[in-house]
C-alpha atoms as a PDB file:
ATOM      1  CA  MET A   1     225.639  98.972  26.444  1.00  0.00           C
ATOM      2  CA  SER A   2     228.330  97.057  24.553  1.00  0.00           C
ATOM      3  CA  GLU A   3     229.396  95.287  27.749  1.00  0.00           C
ATOM      4  CA  VAL A   4     225.885  93.911  28.126  1.00  0.00           C
ATOM      5  CA  ARG A   5     225.947  92.605  24.544  1.00  0.00           C
ATOM      6  CA  ASP A   6     229.349  91.016  25.106  1.00  0.00           C
ATOM      7  CA  ARG A   7     228.061  89.308  28.259  1.00  0.00           C
ATOM      8  CA  LYS A   8     225.000  88.039  26.408  1.00  0.00           C
ATOM      9  CA  ALA A   9     227.189  86.664  23.616  1.00  0.00           C
ATOM     10  CA  TYR A  10     229.423  84.928  26.182  1.00  0.00           C
ATOM     11  CA  ALA A  11     226.446  83.564  28.087  1.00  0.00           C
ATOM     12  CA  ALA A  12     224.765  82.125  25.009  1.00  0.00           C
ATOM     13  CA  SER A  13     228.008  80.531  23.790  1.00  0.00           C
ATOM     14  CA  VAL A  14     228.823  79.033  27.181  1.00  0.00           C
ATOM     15  CA  ALA A  15     225.250  77.780  27.650  1.00  0.00           C
ATOM     16  CA  ALA A  16     225.348  76.131  24.230  1.00  0.00           C
ATOM     17  CA  LEU A  17     228.690  74.544  25.068  1.00  0.00           C
ATOM     18  CA  LEU A  18     227.422  73.155  28.367  1.00  0.00           C
ATOM     19  CA  SER A  19     224.259  71.877  26.721  1.00  0.00           C
ATOM     20  CA  ALA A  20     226.239  70.097  24.005  1.00  0.00           C
ATOM     21  CA  ILE A  21     228.606  68.527  26.531  1.00  0.00           C
ATOM     22  CA  SER A  22     225.738  67.396  28.752  1.00  0.00           C
ATOM     23  CA  SER A  23     224.214  65.592  25.769  1.00  0.00           C
ATOM     24  CA  LEU A  24     227.151  63.173  26.016  1.00  0.00           C
ATOM     25  CA  ALA A  25     226.619  62.375  29.673  1.00  0.00           C
ATOM     26  CA  CYS A  26     224.720  59.232  28.686  1.00  0.00           C
ATOM     27  CA  CYS A  27     227.884  57.790  27.137  1.00  0.00           C
ATOM     28  CA  LEU A  28     230.501  58.804  29.686  1.00  0.00           C
ATOM     29  CA  PRO A  29     231.563  56.736  32.676  1.00  0.00           C
ATOM     30  CA  LEU A  30     230.512  58.621  35.779  1.00  0.00           C
ATOM     31  CA  PRO A  31     232.298  56.870  38.663  1.00  0.00           C
ATOM     32  CA  PHE A  32     231.479  59.536  41.234  1.00  0.00           C
ATOM     33  CA  LEU A  33     227.743  58.861  40.946  1.00  0.00           C
ATOM     34  CA  GLY A  34     228.088  55.170  41.634  1.00  0.00           C
ATOM     35  CA  ALA A  35     226.649  52.378  39.543  1.00  0.00           C
ATOM     36  CA  LEU A  36     222.979  53.074  40.231  1.00  0.00           C
ATOM     37  CA  GLY A  37     223.298  56.812  39.943  1.00  0.00           C
ATOM     38  CA  ALA A  38     225.218  56.521  36.684  1.00  0.00           C
ATOM     39  CA  ALA A  39     222.590  54.240  35.228  1.00  0.00           C
ATOM     40  CA  GLY A  40     219.835  56.656  36.190  1.00  0.00           C
ATOM     41  CA  ALA A  41     221.719  59.686  34.911  1.00  0.00           C
ATOM     42  CA  SER A  42     222.584  57.845  31.716  1.00  0.00           C
ATOM     43  CA  ALA A  43     218.935  57.016  31.092  1.00  0.00           C
ATOM     44  CA  VAL A  44     217.841  60.587  31.739  1.00  0.00           C
ATOM     45  CA  PHE A  45     220.530  62.188  29.571  1.00  0.00           C
ATOM     46  CA  SER A  46     220.029  59.615  26.837  1.00  0.00           C
ATOM     47  CA  ALA A  47     216.358  60.534  26.658  1.00  0.00           C
ATOM     48  CA  LEU A  48     217.164  64.264  26.773  1.00  0.00           C
ATOM     49  CA  ARG A  49     220.011  64.156  24.222  1.00  0.00           C
ATOM     50  CA  PRO A  50     217.939  65.309  21.210  1.00  0.00           C
ATOM     51  CA  TRP A  51     216.416  68.147  23.227  1.00  0.00           C
ATOM     52  CA  LEU A  52     219.799  69.211  24.582  1.00  0.00           C
ATOM     53  CA  LEU A  53     221.225  69.311  21.062  1.00  0.00           C
ATOM     54  CA  VAL A  54     218.263  71.382  19.846  1.00  0.00           C
ATOM     55  CA  LEU A  55     218.762  73.719  22.808  1.00  0.00           C
ATOM     56  CA  SER A  56     222.454  73.997  21.916  1.00  0.00           C
ATOM     57  CA  GLY A  57     221.590  74.864  18.310  1.00  0.00           C
ATOM     58  CA  VAL A  58     219.090  77.519  19.387  1.00  0.00           C
ATOM     59  CA  LEU A  59     221.571  79.023  21.842  1.00  0.00           C
ATOM     60  CA  LEU A  60     224.303  79.055  19.204  1.00  0.00           C
ATOM     61  CA  GLY A  61     221.933  80.773  16.787  1.00  0.00           C
ATOM     62  CA  THR A  62     221.166  83.358  19.468  1.00  0.00           C
ATOM     63  CA  ALA A  63     224.871  83.851  20.142  1.00  0.00           C
ATOM     64  CA  PHE A  64     225.559  84.256  16.416  1.00  0.00           C
ATOM     65  CA  ILE A  65     222.889  86.947  16.096  1.00  0.00           C
ATOM     66  CA  GLN A  66     224.146  88.765  19.192  1.00  0.00           C
ATOM     67  CA  LEU A  67     227.756  88.514  18.097  1.00  0.00           C
ATOM     68  CA  TYR A  68     227.474  89.444  14.429  1.00  0.00           C
ATOM     69  CA  HIS A  69     224.303  91.563  14.209  1.00  0.00           C
ATOM     70  CA  HIS A  70     225.570  95.051  14.880  1.00  0.00           C
ATOM     71  CA  GLY A  71     222.362  96.933  14.196  1.00  0.00           C
ATOM     72  CA  LYS A  72     222.960 100.659  13.988  1.00  0.00           C
ATOM     73  CA  SER A  73     226.254 100.624  15.879  1.00  0.00           C
ATOM     74  CA  CYS A  74     229.583 100.135  14.173  1.00  0.00           C
ATOM     75  CA  GLN A  75     231.138  98.435  17.137  1.00  0.00           C
ATOM     76  CA  ARG A  76     233.606  95.581  16.645  1.00  0.00           C
ATOM     77  CA  ARG A  77     233.573  92.466  18.782  1.00  0.00           C
ATOM     78  CA  ASN A  78     236.710  91.363  20.530  1.00  0.00           C
ATOM     79  CA  ALA A  79     238.594  88.281  19.386  1.00  0.00           C
ATOM     80  CA  LEU A  80     237.876  86.344  22.594  1.00  0.00           C
ATOM     81  CA  SER A  81     234.103  86.541  22.031  1.00  0.00           C
ATOM     82  CA  LYS A  82     234.498  85.192  18.515  1.00  0.00           C
ATOM     83  CA  ALA A  83     236.951  82.481  19.599  1.00  0.00           C
ATOM     84  CA  ILE A  84     234.633  81.207  22.339  1.00  0.00           C
ATOM     85  CA  PHE A  85     231.693  81.222  19.926  1.00  0.00           C
ATOM     86  CA  TRP A  86     233.504  79.263  17.207  1.00  0.00           C
ATOM     87  CA  LEU A  87     234.903  76.830  19.781  1.00  0.00           C
ATOM     88  CA  ALA A  88     231.344  76.212  20.969  1.00  0.00           C
ATOM     89  CA  VAL A  89     230.216  75.687  17.352  1.00  0.00           C
ATOM     90  CA  GLY A  90     233.022  73.183  16.768  1.00  0.00           C
ATOM     91  CA  ILE A  91     232.227  71.226  19.913  1.00  0.00           C
ATOM     92  CA  PHE A  92     228.510  71.273  19.088  1.00  0.00           C
ATOM     93  CA  LEU A  93     229.139  69.898  15.591  1.00  0.00           C
ATOM     94  CA  ALA A  94     231.477  67.227  16.952  1.00  0.00           C
ATOM     95  CA  MET A  95     228.849  66.197  19.512  1.00  0.00           C
ATOM     96  CA  LEU A  96     226.190  66.160  16.817  1.00  0.00           C
ATOM     97  CA  PHE A  97     228.060  64.058  14.266  1.00  0.00           C
ATOM     98  CA  PHE A  98     230.531  61.990  16.345  1.00  0.00           C
ATOM     99  CA  PRO A  99     229.021  61.403  19.821  1.00  0.00           C
ATOM    100  CA  GLN A 100     230.307  57.844  20.345  1.00  0.00           C
ATOM    101  CA  GLU A 101     233.848  58.684  19.242  1.00  0.00           C
ATOM    102  CA  ILE A 102     234.029  61.667  21.585  1.00  0.00           C
ATOM    103  CA  ALA A 103     232.596  59.637  24.468  1.00  0.00           C
ATOM    104  CA  ALA A 104     235.153  56.878  23.843  1.00  0.00           C
ATOM    105  CA  LEU A 105     237.958  59.443  23.706  1.00  0.00           C
ATOM    106  CA  LEU A 106     236.848  61.022  26.993  1.00  0.00           C
ATOM    107  CA  ALA A 107     236.399  57.592  28.631  1.00  0.00           C
ATOM    108  CA  ARG A 108     239.933  56.576  27.638  1.00  0.00           C
ATOM    109  CA  ARG A 109     241.282  59.832  29.001  1.00  0.00           C
ATOM    110  CA  GLN A 110     239.429  59.408  32.311  1.00  0.00           C
ATOM    111  CA  GLY A 111     240.676  55.831  32.643  1.00  0.00           C
ATOM    112  CA  SER A 112     244.334  56.809  32.228  1.00  0.00           C
END
């Protein structure tokens, strides 16, 4: 039963992380899509950015409850589950408060 909870905590954290990262897709250069594809993807992700961030917040809240709400069991969570969760929280907050800076940093790194 604890393995299922651990998997759910991982899944929620990873889903929140992917949702937060995809909210930046409007700002990143996407050379593999080509100019037209990048413009279309940028428009779609730009319009979806608020919803993706809300989805990330909901998924992080779900992961927090699954990770720290023990219920009647006295079971401890492993350090990797907690590390992945807090990494996802950090990335989500960075995407929420500093989206242009992160996009510029990733664009510079891709260009190098």
